[in-house]
C-alpha atoms as a PDB file:
ATOM      1  CA  MET A   1      26.240 133.834 106.458  1.00  0.00           C
ATOM      2  CA  SER A   2      25.489 136.749 108.652  1.00  0.00           C
ATOM      3  CA  THR A   3      25.047 136.734 112.363  1.00  0.00           C
ATOM      4  CA  VAL A   4      23.030 139.211 114.281  1.00  0.00           C
ATOM      5  CA  THR A   5      24.373 140.188 117.636  1.00  0.00           C
ATOM      6  CA  GLN A   6      21.817 141.390 120.139  1.00  0.00           C
ATOM      7  CA  ARG A   7      23.120 143.831 122.679  1.00  0.00           C
ATOM      8  CA  ALA A   8      21.545 144.033 126.066  1.00  0.00           C
ATOM      9  CA  ASP A   9      19.770 147.206 126.881  1.00  0.00           C
ATOM     10  CA  PRO A  10      21.653 148.706 129.831  1.00  0.00           C
ATOM     11  CA  ALA A  11      18.470 150.457 130.939  1.00  0.00           C
ATOM     12  CA  GLY A  12      16.409 147.294 130.860  1.00  0.00           C
ATOM     13  CA  THR A  13      15.939 144.715 133.562  1.00  0.00           C
ATOM     14  CA  ALA A  14      18.390 141.840 133.783  1.00  0.00           C
ATOM     15  CA  GLY A  15      15.679 139.239 134.299  1.00  0.00           C
ATOM     16  CA  PRO A  16      12.185 138.717 135.544  1.00  0.00           C
ATOM     17  CA  ALA A  17      11.386 141.030 138.410  1.00  0.00           C
ATOM     18  CA  ARG A  18      10.800 139.175 141.632  1.00  0.00           C
ATOM     19  CA  PRO A  19      10.044 140.508 145.077  1.00  0.00           C
ATOM     20  CA  LEU A  20      13.197 141.464 146.900  1.00  0.00           C
ATOM     21  CA  SER A  21      12.204 139.321 149.874  1.00  0.00           C
ATOM     22  CA  GLU A  22      12.389 136.164 147.718  1.00  0.00           C
ATOM     23  CA  ARG A  23      16.033 136.818 146.900  1.00  0.00           C
ATOM     24  CA  ARG A  24      17.081 137.618 150.452  1.00  0.00           C
ATOM     25  CA  PRO A  25      18.744 134.943 152.524  1.00  0.00           C
ATOM     26  CA  LEU A  26      17.270 133.813 155.799  1.00  0.00           C
ATOM     27  CA  GLY A  27      19.682 135.945 157.856  1.00  0.00           C
ATOM     28  CA  ASP A  28      18.591 139.178 156.144  1.00  0.00           C
ATOM     29  CA  ARG A  29      14.908 138.400 156.619  1.00  0.00           C
ATOM     30  CA  THR A  30      15.509 137.550 160.273  1.00  0.00           C
ATOM     31  CA  PHE A  31      17.330 140.821 160.795  1.00  0.00           C
ATOM     32  CA  GLN A  32      14.482 142.667 159.094  1.00  0.00           C
ATOM     33  CA  VAL A  33      11.935 141.112 161.449  1.00  0.00           C
ATOM     34  CA  ILE A  34      14.071 141.871 164.524  1.00  0.00           C
ATOM     35  CA  ALA A  35      14.587 145.489 163.456  1.00  0.00           C
ATOM     36  CA  LEU A  36      10.866 145.930 162.771  1.00  0.00           C
ATOM     37  CA  ALA A  37       9.975 144.398 166.136  1.00  0.00           C
ATOM     38  CA  SER A  38      12.454 146.687 167.915  1.00  0.00           C
ATOM     39  CA  GLY A  39      10.989 149.776 166.277  1.00  0.00           C
ATOM     40  CA  LEU A  40       7.448 148.708 167.137  1.00  0.00           C
ATOM     41  CA  LEU A  41       8.528 147.990 170.721  1.00  0.00           C
ATOM     42  CA  VAL A  42       9.757 151.567 171.127  1.00  0.00           C
ATOM     43  CA  LEU A  43       6.453 152.845 169.737  1.00  0.00           C
ATOM     44  CA  VAL A  44       4.467 150.620 172.096  1.00  0.00           C
ATOM     45  CA  ILE A  45       6.509 151.806 175.085  1.00  0.00           C
ATOM     46  CA  LEU A  46       5.870 155.445 174.171  1.00  0.00           C
ATOM     47  CA  VAL A  47       2.140 154.781 173.839  1.00  0.00           C
ATOM     48  CA  LEU A  48       2.048 153.007 177.206  1.00  0.00           C
ATOM     49  CA  ILE A  49       3.908 155.890 178.857  1.00  0.00           C
ATOM     50  CA  ALA A  50       1.469 158.402 177.361  1.00  0.00           C
ATOM     51  CA  VAL A  51      -1.578 156.362 178.404  1.00  0.00           C
ATOM     52  CA  SER A  52      -0.391 155.681 181.952  1.00  0.00           C
ATOM     53  CA  THR A  53       0.635 159.281 182.666  1.00  0.00           C
ATOM     54  CA  THR A  54      -2.589 160.620 181.151  1.00  0.00           C
ATOM     55  CA  GLN A  55      -4.626 158.310 183.380  1.00  0.00           C
ATOM     56  CA  ARG A  56      -2.779 159.505 186.471  1.00  0.00           C
ATOM     57  CA  ALA A  57      -3.293 163.127 185.388  1.00  0.00           C
ATOM     58  CA  SER A  58      -6.985 162.688 184.546  1.00  0.00           C
ATOM     59  CA  LEU A  59      -8.064 164.085 187.938  1.00  0.00           C
ATOM     60  CA  TRP A  60      -6.282 167.359 187.214  1.00  0.00           C
ATOM     61  CA  PHE A  61      -7.684 167.613 183.688  1.00  0.00           C
ATOM     62  CA  SER A  62     -11.255 166.872 184.828  1.00  0.00           C
ATOM     63  CA  THR A  63     -11.104 169.178 187.863  1.00  0.00           C
ATOM     64  CA  GLU A  64      -9.407 172.189 186.285  1.00  0.00           C
ATOM     65  CA  GLY A  65     -10.623 171.908 182.702  1.00  0.00           C
ATOM     66  CA  TRP A  66      -9.242 174.840 180.739  1.00  0.00           C
ATOM     67  CA  GLY A  67      -8.051 176.168 184.074  1.00  0.00           C
ATOM     68  CA  ILE A  68      -4.901 174.098 183.588  1.00  0.00           C
ATOM     69  CA  PHE A  69      -3.666 177.076 181.545  1.00  0.00           C
ATOM     70  CA  GLY A  70      -4.315 179.476 184.400  1.00  0.00           C
ATOM     71  CA  LYS A  71      -1.660 181.682 185.979  1.00  0.00           C
ATOM     72  CA  ILE A  72      -2.082 180.711 189.645  1.00  0.00           C
ATOM     73  CA  TRP A  73      -0.240 177.707 191.096  1.00  0.00           C
ATOM     74  CA  ASN A  74      -1.155 177.453 194.771  1.00  0.00           C
ATOM     75  CA  PRO A  75      -1.192 173.896 196.170  1.00  0.00           C
ATOM     76  CA  ALA A  76      -2.512 175.117 199.528  1.00  0.00           C
ATOM     77  CA  ALA A  77      -5.673 176.425 197.809  1.00  0.00           C
ATOM     78  CA  ASN A  78      -5.873 173.545 195.291  1.00  0.00           C
ATOM     79  CA  GLN A  79      -5.222 175.913 192.397  1.00  0.00           C
ATOM     80  CA  PHE A  80      -2.977 174.416 189.755  1.00  0.00           C
ATOM     81  CA  GLY A  81      -2.580 176.654 186.732  1.00  0.00           C
ATOM     82  CA  ALA A  82       0.397 175.639 184.587  1.00  0.00           C
ATOM     83  CA  LEU A  83       0.806 178.767 182.451  1.00  0.00           C
ATOM     84  CA  SER A  84       3.753 180.124 184.427  1.00  0.00           C
ATOM     85  CA  PHE A  85       5.647 176.848 184.024  1.00  0.00           C
ATOM     86  CA  ILE A  86       4.858 176.652 180.318  1.00  0.00           C
ATOM     87  CA  TYR A  87       6.120 180.210 179.972  1.00  0.00           C
ATOM     88  CA  GLY A  88       9.302 179.432 181.901  1.00  0.00           C
ATOM     89  CA  THR A  89      10.004 176.341 179.803  1.00  0.00           C
ATOM     90  CA  ALA A  90       9.479 178.267 176.571  1.00  0.00           C
ATOM     91  CA  ILE A  91      11.491 181.367 177.512  1.00  0.00           C
ATOM     92  CA  THR A  92      14.516 179.458 178.819  1.00  0.00           C
ATOM     93  CA  SER A  93      14.536 177.204 175.751  1.00  0.00           C
ATOM     94  CA  VAL A  94      14.364 180.179 173.397  1.00  0.00           C
ATOM     95  CA  ILE A  95      17.211 181.920 175.237  1.00  0.00           C
ATOM     96  CA  ALA A  96      19.273 178.729 174.981  1.00  0.00           C
ATOM     97  CA  LEU A  97      18.635 178.393 171.242  1.00  0.00           C
ATOM     98  CA  ILE A  98      19.434 182.046 170.514  1.00  0.00           C
ATOM     99  CA  MET A  99      22.788 181.640 172.250  1.00  0.00           C
ATOM    100  CA  ALA A 100      23.700 178.079 171.264  1.00  0.00           C
ATOM    101  CA  VAL A 101      22.727 177.790 167.593  1.00  0.00           C
ATOM    102  CA  PRO A 102      25.020 180.486 166.105  1.00  0.00           C
ATOM    103  CA  VAL A 103      27.936 179.295 168.237  1.00  0.00           C
ATOM    104  CA  SER A 104      27.296 175.651 167.345  1.00  0.00           C
ATOM    105  CA  LEU A 105      27.077 176.298 163.614  1.00  0.00           C
ATOM    106  CA  GLY A 106      30.175 178.481 163.744  1.00  0.00           C
ATOM    107  CA  ILE A 107      32.168 175.772 165.529  1.00  0.00           C
ATOM    108  CA  ALA A 108      30.886 173.099 163.136  1.00  0.00           C
ATOM    109  CA  LEU A 109      31.922 175.140 160.085  1.00  0.00           C
ATOM    110  CA  LEU A 110      35.254 175.977 161.706  1.00  0.00           C
ATOM    111  CA  LEU A 111      36.055 172.319 162.310  1.00  0.00           C
ATOM    112  CA  THR A 112      34.982 171.131 158.863  1.00  0.00           C
ATOM    113  CA  GLU A 113      36.031 173.981 156.574  1.00  0.00           C
ATOM    114  CA  VAL A 114      38.798 175.989 158.237  1.00  0.00           C
ATOM    115  CA  VAL A 115      40.832 174.111 160.833  1.00  0.00           C
ATOM    116  CA  PRO A 116      43.127 171.322 159.558  1.00  0.00           C
ATOM    117  CA  TYR A 117      42.131 167.820 160.593  1.00  0.00           C
ATOM    118  CA  ARG A 118      45.065 167.322 162.973  1.00  0.00           C
ATOM    119  CA  TRP A 119      44.005 170.410 164.921  1.00  0.00           C
ATOM    120  CA  ALA A 120      40.279 169.778 164.652  1.00  0.00           C
ATOM    121  CA  ARG A 121      40.409 166.292 166.144  1.00  0.00           C
ATOM    122  CA  PRO A 122      41.322 167.342 169.736  1.00  0.00           C
ATOM    123  CA  ILE A 123      38.654 170.052 169.610  1.00  0.00           C
ATOM    124  CA  VAL A 124      36.111 167.426 168.580  1.00  0.00           C
ATOM    125  CA  TYR A 125      37.154 165.266 171.532  1.00  0.00           C
ATOM    126  CA  VAL A 126      36.596 168.164 173.938  1.00  0.00           C
ATOM    127  CA  ILE A 127      33.172 168.951 172.457  1.00  0.00           C
ATOM    128  CA  ASP A 128      32.107 165.312 172.696  1.00  0.00           C
ATOM    129  CA  LEU A 129      33.313 165.267 176.294  1.00  0.00           C
ATOM    130  CA  LEU A 130      31.193 168.319 177.152  1.00  0.00           C
ATOM    131  CA  ALA A 131      28.133 166.583 175.722  1.00  0.00           C
ATOM    132  CA  VAL A 132      28.315 163.818 178.342  1.00  0.00           C
ATOM    133  CA  VAL A 133      28.787 166.010 181.413  1.00  0.00           C
ATOM    134  CA  PRO A 134      25.905 165.155 183.817  1.00  0.00           C
ATOM    135  CA  SER A 135      23.230 167.792 184.155  1.00  0.00           C
ATOM    136  CA  VAL A 136      23.594 167.889 187.941  1.00  0.00           C
ATOM    137  CA  VAL A 137      27.206 169.002 187.471  1.00  0.00           C
ATOM    138  CA  TRP A 138      26.072 171.877 185.260  1.00  0.00           C
ATOM    139  CA  GLY A 139      23.408 172.767 187.809  1.00  0.00           C
ATOM    140  CA  LEU A 140      25.742 172.765 190.795  1.00  0.00           C
ATOM    141  CA  TRP A 141      28.340 174.800 188.923  1.00  0.00           C
ATOM    142  CA  GLY A 142      25.611 177.193 187.824  1.00  0.00           C
ATOM    143  CA  ILE A 143      24.161 177.850 191.271  1.00  0.00           C
ATOM    144  CA  LEU A 144      27.421 177.823 193.254  1.00  0.00           C
ATOM    145  CA  VAL A 145      29.822 179.535 190.843  1.00  0.00           C
ATOM    146  CA  PHE A 146      28.116 181.046 187.812  1.00  0.00           C
ATOM    147  CA  ALA A 147      24.988 182.602 189.372  1.00  0.00           C
ATOM    148  CA  PRO A 148      26.837 184.589 192.099  1.00  0.00           C
ATOM    149  CA  TRP A 149      29.351 185.827 189.533  1.00  0.00           C
ATOM    150  CA  ILE A 150      26.830 186.887 186.905  1.00  0.00           C
ATOM    151  CA  ALA A 151      24.511 188.535 189.449  1.00  0.00           C
ATOM    152  CA  HIS A 152      26.882 191.541 189.493  1.00  0.00           C
ATOM    153  CA  ILE A 153      26.687 191.780 185.708  1.00  0.00           C
ATOM    154  CA  TYR A 154      22.886 191.631 185.905  1.00  0.00           C
ATOM    155  CA  SER A 155      22.947 194.508 188.375  1.00  0.00           C
ATOM    156  CA  ASP A 156      25.120 196.651 186.098  1.00  0.00           C
ATOM    157  CA  ILE A 157      22.940 195.923 183.061  1.00  0.00           C
ATOM    158  CA  GLY A 158      19.723 196.547 185.015  1.00  0.00           C
ATOM    159  CA  SER A 159      20.993 199.876 186.289  1.00  0.00           C
ATOM    160  CA  ALA A 160      22.104 200.931 182.811  1.00  0.00           C
ATOM    161  CA  VAL A 161      18.805 200.167 181.054  1.00  0.00           C
ATOM    162  CA  ASN A 162      16.471 201.164 183.886  1.00  0.00           C
ATOM    163  CA  GLY A 163      13.832 203.492 182.455  1.00  0.00           C
ATOM    164  CA  VAL A 164      14.489 202.566 178.812  1.00  0.00           C
ATOM    165  CA  PRO A 165      11.093 201.571 177.323  1.00  0.00           C
ATOM    166  CA  VAL A 166      11.860 198.098 175.949  1.00  0.00           C
ATOM    167  CA  LEU A 167      15.198 197.190 177.461  1.00  0.00           C
ATOM    168  CA  GLY A 168      14.061 198.243 180.899  1.00  0.00           C
ATOM    169  CA  ALA A 169      11.153 195.794 180.707  1.00  0.00           C
ATOM    170  CA  LEU A 170      13.406 192.946 179.594  1.00  0.00           C
ATOM    171  CA  PHE A 171      16.503 193.550 181.671  1.00  0.00           C
ATOM    172  CA  GLY A 172      15.192 195.331 184.719  1.00  0.00           C
ATOM    173  CA  PRO A 173      16.948 195.296 188.083  1.00  0.00           C
ATOM    174  CA  PRO A 174      17.452 191.657 189.127  1.00  0.00           C
ATOM    175  CA  THR A 175      16.724 190.114 192.500  1.00  0.00           C
ATOM    176  CA  SER A 176      19.406 187.397 192.387  1.00  0.00           C
ATOM    177  CA  GLY A 177      21.575 185.395 190.030  1.00  0.00           C
ATOM    178  CA  ALA A 178      18.981 182.603 189.795  1.00  0.00           C
ATOM    179  CA  SER A 179      16.714 183.639 186.932  1.00  0.00           C
ATOM    180  CA  PHE A 180      15.275 182.815 183.531  1.00  0.00           C
ATOM    181  CA  PHE A 181      18.383 184.167 181.854  1.00  0.00           C
ATOM    182  CA  THR A 182      20.777 182.144 183.996  1.00  0.00           C
ATOM    183  CA  ALA A 183      18.807 178.973 183.241  1.00  0.00           C
ATOM    184  CA  GLY A 184      18.912 179.830 179.530  1.00  0.00           C
ATOM    185  CA  ILE A 185      22.680 180.300 179.632  1.00  0.00           C
ATOM    186  CA  ILE A 186      23.194 176.964 181.407  1.00  0.00           C
ATOM    187  CA  LEU A 187      20.938 175.251 178.869  1.00  0.00           C
ATOM    188  CA  ALA A 188      22.927 176.877 176.062  1.00  0.00           C
ATOM    189  CA  PHE A 189      26.114 175.401 177.526  1.00  0.00           C
ATOM    190  CA  MET A 190      24.435 171.997 177.644  1.00  0.00           C
ATOM    191  CA  ILE A 191      22.961 171.875 174.129  1.00  0.00           C
ATOM    192  CA  THR A 192      25.871 173.506 172.283  1.00  0.00           C
ATOM    193  CA  PRO A 193      27.952 170.277 172.151  1.00  0.00           C
ATOM    194  CA  ILE A 194      24.951 168.299 170.875  1.00  0.00           C
ATOM    195  CA  VAL A 195      24.026 170.741 168.108  1.00  0.00           C
ATOM    196  CA  THR A 196      27.701 171.170 167.195  1.00  0.00           C
ATOM    197  CA  SER A 197      28.406 167.449 166.890  1.00  0.00           C
ATOM    198  CA  LEU A 198      25.312 166.717 164.809  1.00  0.00           C
ATOM    199  CA  SER A 199      25.822 169.757 162.570  1.00  0.00           C
ATOM    200  CA  ARG A 200      29.466 168.848 162.039  1.00  0.00           C
ATOM    201  CA  GLU A 201      28.513 165.325 160.962  1.00  0.00           C
ATOM    202  CA  VAL A 202      25.914 166.678 158.546  1.00  0.00           C
ATOM    203  CA  ILE A 203      28.247 169.276 157.046  1.00  0.00           C
ATOM    204  CA  ALA A 204      30.962 166.638 156.614  1.00  0.00           C
ATOM    205  CA  THR A 205      28.658 164.684 154.254  1.00  0.00           C
ATOM    206  CA  VAL A 206      28.609 167.489 151.673  1.00  0.00           C
ATOM    207  CA  PRO A 207      30.308 166.131 148.518  1.00  0.00           C
ATOM    208  CA  ALA A 208      33.747 167.605 147.985  1.00  0.00           C
ATOM    209  CA  ILE A 209      33.015 168.056 144.288  1.00  0.00           C
ATOM    210  CA  ASP A 210      30.246 170.537 145.122  1.00  0.00           C
ATOM    211  CA  LYS A 211      32.576 172.667 147.228  1.00  0.00           C
ATOM    212  CA  GLU A 212      35.392 172.445 144.687  1.00  0.00           C
ATOM    213  CA  GLY A 213      32.965 173.403 141.918  1.00  0.00           C
ATOM    214  CA  ALA A 214      31.917 176.495 143.856  1.00  0.00           C
ATOM    215  CA  TYR A 215      35.550 177.502 144.341  1.00  0.00           C
ATOM    216  CA  ALA A 216      36.238 176.865 140.643  1.00  0.00           C
ATOM    217  CA  LEU A 217      33.466 179.294 139.727  1.00  0.00           C
ATOM    218  CA  GLY A 218      35.189 181.981 141.779  1.00  0.00           C
ATOM    219  CA  ALA A 219      33.089 181.788 144.933  1.00  0.00           C
ATOM    220  CA  THR A 220      34.489 182.957 148.220  1.00  0.00           C
ATOM    221  CA  ARG A 221      34.366 180.705 151.271  1.00  0.00           C
ATOM    222  CA  LEU A 222      31.203 182.405 152.506  1.00  0.00           C
ATOM    223  CA  GLU A 223      29.574 182.080 149.079  1.00  0.00           C
ATOM    224  CA  MET A 224      30.595 178.421 148.948  1.00  0.00           C
ATOM    225  CA  ILE A 225      28.966 177.816 152.339  1.00  0.00           C
ATOM    226  CA  ARG A 226      25.769 179.542 151.224  1.00  0.00           C
ATOM    227  CA  GLY A 227      25.632 177.924 147.795  1.00  0.00           C
ATOM    228  CA  ALA A 228      27.009 174.413 148.362  1.00  0.00           C
ATOM    229  CA  ILE A 229      26.979 173.496 152.053  1.00  0.00           C
ATOM    230  CA  TRP A 230      23.755 175.084 153.275  1.00  0.00           C
ATOM    231  CA  PRO A 231      21.379 173.663 150.607  1.00  0.00           C
ATOM    232  CA  HIS A 232      22.791 170.171 151.158  1.00  0.00           C
ATOM    233  CA  SER A 233      22.784 170.185 154.957  1.00  0.00           C
ATOM    234  CA  LYS A 234      19.989 172.538 156.048  1.00  0.00           C
ATOM    235  CA  GLY A 235      17.605 169.653 156.714  1.00  0.00           C
ATOM    236  CA  GLY A 236      20.058 167.879 158.985  1.00  0.00           C
ATOM    237  CA  ILE A 237      21.016 171.123 160.734  1.00  0.00           C
ATOM    238  CA  THR A 238      17.342 171.838 161.360  1.00  0.00           C
ATOM    239  CA  GLY A 239      16.982 168.418 162.915  1.00  0.00           C
ATOM    240  CA  ALA A 240      20.034 169.044 165.100  1.00  0.00           C
ATOM    241  CA  VAL A 241      18.634 172.380 166.296  1.00  0.00           C
ATOM    242  CA  LEU A 242      15.262 170.865 167.135  1.00  0.00           C
ATOM    243  CA  LEU A 243      16.953 168.013 168.947  1.00  0.00           C
ATOM    244  CA  GLY A 244      18.767 170.608 171.032  1.00  0.00           C
ATOM    245  CA  LEU A 245      15.436 172.330 171.644  1.00  0.00           C
ATOM    246  CA  GLY A 246      13.957 169.077 172.902  1.00  0.00           C
ATOM    247  CA  ARG A 247      16.909 168.639 175.255  1.00  0.00           C
ATOM    248  CA  ALA A 248      16.480 172.197 176.534  1.00  0.00           C
ATOM    249  CA  MET A 249      12.748 171.790 177.134  1.00  0.00           C
ATOM    250  CA  GLY A 250      13.147 168.495 178.976  1.00  0.00           C
ATOM    251  CA  GLU A 251      16.149 169.382 181.134  1.00  0.00           C
ATOM    252  CA  THR A 252      15.286 169.034 184.815  1.00  0.00           C
ATOM    253  CA  ILE A 253      17.977 169.125 187.499  1.00  0.00           C
ATOM    254  CA  ALA A 254      20.198 171.856 186.079  1.00  0.00           C
ATOM    255  CA  VAL A 255      17.249 174.181 185.474  1.00  0.00           C
ATOM    256  CA  ALA A 256      15.705 173.393 188.864  1.00  0.00           C
ATOM    257  CA  LEU A 257      18.888 174.552 190.575  1.00  0.00           C
ATOM    258  CA  VAL A 258      19.405 177.841 188.723  1.00  0.00           C
ATOM    259  CA  ILE A 259      15.980 179.149 187.653  1.00  0.00           C
ATOM    260  CA  GLY A 260      14.843 180.405 191.056  1.00  0.00           C
ATOM    261  CA  SER A 261      11.678 178.275 191.618  1.00  0.00           C
ATOM    262  CA  SER A 262       9.147 181.107 191.396  1.00  0.00           C
ATOM    263  CA  ALA A 263       5.823 180.506 189.636  1.00  0.00           C
ATOM    264  CA  THR A 264       5.607 183.912 187.979  1.00  0.00           C
ATOM    265  CA  ILE A 265       5.096 185.307 184.491  1.00  0.00           C
ATOM    266  CA  THR A 266       7.168 188.397 183.872  1.00  0.00           C
ATOM    267  CA  SER A 267       8.966 190.094 181.035  1.00  0.00           C
ATOM    268  CA  HIS A 268      12.065 190.596 183.198  1.00  0.00           C
ATOM    269  CA  LEU A 269      14.550 187.963 182.026  1.00  0.00           C
ATOM    270  CA  PHE A 270      16.705 188.551 185.113  1.00  0.00           C
ATOM    271  CA  ALA A 271      13.834 187.630 187.442  1.00  0.00           C
ATOM    272  CA  PRO A 272      13.429 184.152 188.994  1.00  0.00           C
ATOM    273  CA  GLY A 273      10.924 181.757 187.447  1.00  0.00           C
ATOM    274  CA  ASP A 274      10.160 178.078 187.046  1.00  0.00           C
ATOM    275  CA  SER A 275       9.669 175.456 184.333  1.00  0.00           C
ATOM    276  CA  MET A 276       7.639 172.288 183.923  1.00  0.00           C
ATOM    277  CA  PRO A 277      10.463 169.759 184.479  1.00  0.00           C
ATOM    278  CA  ALA A 278      11.878 171.788 187.362  1.00  0.00           C
ATOM    279  CA  VAL A 279       8.623 172.043 189.312  1.00  0.00           C
ATOM    280  CA  ILE A 280       7.998 168.318 188.870  1.00  0.00           C
ATOM    281  CA  ALA A 281      11.425 167.521 190.312  1.00  0.00           C
ATOM    282  CA  ASN A 282      11.110 169.996 193.189  1.00  0.00           C
ATOM    283  CA  GLN A 283       7.555 169.285 194.327  1.00  0.00           C
ATOM    284  CA  PHE A 284       6.739 165.699 193.395  1.00  0.00           C
ATOM    285  CA  GLY A 285       8.054 164.217 196.646  1.00  0.00           C
ATOM    286  CA  GLU A 286       5.574 166.155 198.802  1.00  0.00           C
ATOM    287  CA  ALA A 287       2.584 165.884 196.448  1.00  0.00           C
ATOM    288  CA  SER A 288      -0.514 163.726 196.774  1.00  0.00           C
ATOM    289  CA  GLY A 289      -4.028 163.603 195.378  1.00  0.00           C
ATOM    290  CA  LEU A 290      -4.879 166.473 193.047  1.00  0.00           C
ATOM    291  CA  PHE A 291      -1.434 167.994 193.606  1.00  0.00           C
ATOM    292  CA  ARG A 292       0.316 164.875 192.302  1.00  0.00           C
ATOM    293  CA  SER A 293      -2.177 164.594 189.453  1.00  0.00           C
ATOM    294  CA  ALA A 294      -1.335 168.172 188.439  1.00  0.00           C
ATOM    295  CA  LEU A 295       2.373 167.382 188.383  1.00  0.00           C
ATOM    296  CA  MET A 296       1.695 164.305 186.255  1.00  0.00           C
ATOM    297  CA  GLY A 297      -0.359 166.536 183.982  1.00  0.00           C
ATOM    298  CA  LEU A 298       2.624 168.828 183.535  1.00  0.00           C
ATOM    299  CA  GLY A 299       4.554 165.788 182.327  1.00  0.00           C
ATOM    300  CA  VAL A 300       1.760 165.023 179.854  1.00  0.00           C
ATOM    301  CA  LEU A 301       1.824 168.597 178.551  1.00  0.00           C
ATOM    302  CA  LEU A 302       5.590 168.455 178.166  1.00  0.00           C
ATOM    303  CA  PHE A 303       5.238 165.159 176.292  1.00  0.00           C
ATOM    304  CA  VAL A 304       2.653 166.699 173.946  1.00  0.00           C
ATOM    305  CA  PHE A 305       4.792 169.780 173.302  1.00  0.00           C
ATOM    306  CA  THR A 306       7.759 167.539 172.472  1.00  0.00           C
ATOM    307  CA  ILE A 307       5.677 165.565 169.976  1.00  0.00           C
ATOM    308  CA  ILE A 308       4.480 168.787 168.342  1.00  0.00           C
ATOM    309  CA  ILE A 309       8.071 170.001 168.006  1.00  0.00           C
ATOM    310  CA  ASN A 310       9.092 166.688 166.420  1.00  0.00           C
ATOM    311  CA  ILE A 311       6.203 166.917 163.943  1.00  0.00           C
ATOM    312  CA  ILE A 312       7.230 170.451 163.017  1.00  0.00           C
ATOM    313  CA  ALA A 313      10.829 169.282 162.620  1.00  0.00           C
ATOM    314  CA  ARG A 314       9.772 166.451 160.322  1.00  0.00           C
ATOM    315  CA  ALA A 315       7.741 168.881 158.219  1.00  0.00           C
ATOM    316  CA  ILE A 316      10.656 171.321 157.939  1.00  0.00           C
ATOM    317  CA  VAL A 317      13.129 168.577 157.046  1.00  0.00           C
ATOM    318  CA  GLY A 318      10.714 167.093 154.511  1.00  0.00           C
ATOM    319  CA  ARG A 319      10.115 170.453 152.861  1.00  0.00           C
ATOM    320  CA  SER A 320      13.861 171.086 152.726  1.00  0.00           C
ATOM    321  CA  ALA A 321      14.395 167.706 151.059  1.00  0.00           C
ATOM    322  CA  GLU A 322      11.675 168.452 148.491  1.00  0.00           C
ATOM    323  CA  GLN A 323      13.217 171.828 147.702  1.00  0.00           C
ATOM    324  CA  GLY A 324      16.634 170.207 147.369  1.00  0.00           C
ATOM    325  CA  THR A 325      15.392 167.650 144.833  1.00  0.00           C
ATOM    326  CA  ALA A 326      13.289 170.154 142.888  1.00  0.00           C
END
């Protein structure tokens, strides 16, 4: 008498497929509903903020039309062109990213790949502490201590490059320590801890077997970083950089104190300027009518630019994930 033993197919299903929600207990389904409601609540709040601010800025949009991108901002003459503030926001944010991103990535790699854990932990504590320093503290330090000190350096650089075709246009003789470049440096100080902390967390998730495999194949540390760490973490690092960019674009008090409050468009990085958050903070208290509507419109433009940056970030991260799985 022979018996036939049937072996279960490990690749097959264990039983009839049922919706996952039918197998979940009541607590899990309740948590799912609460989490979904919380996410929708955030979305609703953002929509309400966008609608309310757009309504309050409608007078500016209807009066100026495409003139909102003009160069002249003169409340006394009811001229409210925002181009100089858009330029100031963009140039200070770019300066901050150019300075902060290489330093942040270098610190993140140092803490995860070079420094032993017992030495890295106090450095991490200091970086996390810098991330929570209030912006007004950075601004006061920048205008009272940093700007007077660096003004002498600006003068030396301006004198050295004066007359040079490109450098003379960028780093011409300064008027004071409050300038685009000073605001960019302060923003770099502020976003470096954020980009560093997020990048360090992303790099720490790289599987150890990938790094050990690279070393086993004879790779140097730099080759291991390029071949094992960067492909795995470039999406998260991109998100960290764009998060720092959003912080730099939206920073208000610190920039308002050190940028110089001058509605001008110039190639001289050592010249004073202004940005969208800074002009809103400085002039909103005395504004009314079309003037206040224009300031609200600057907030709407800043909100739109932030959304565009987030969409670009999502596209970059998604493309990086597709390339990683290909």
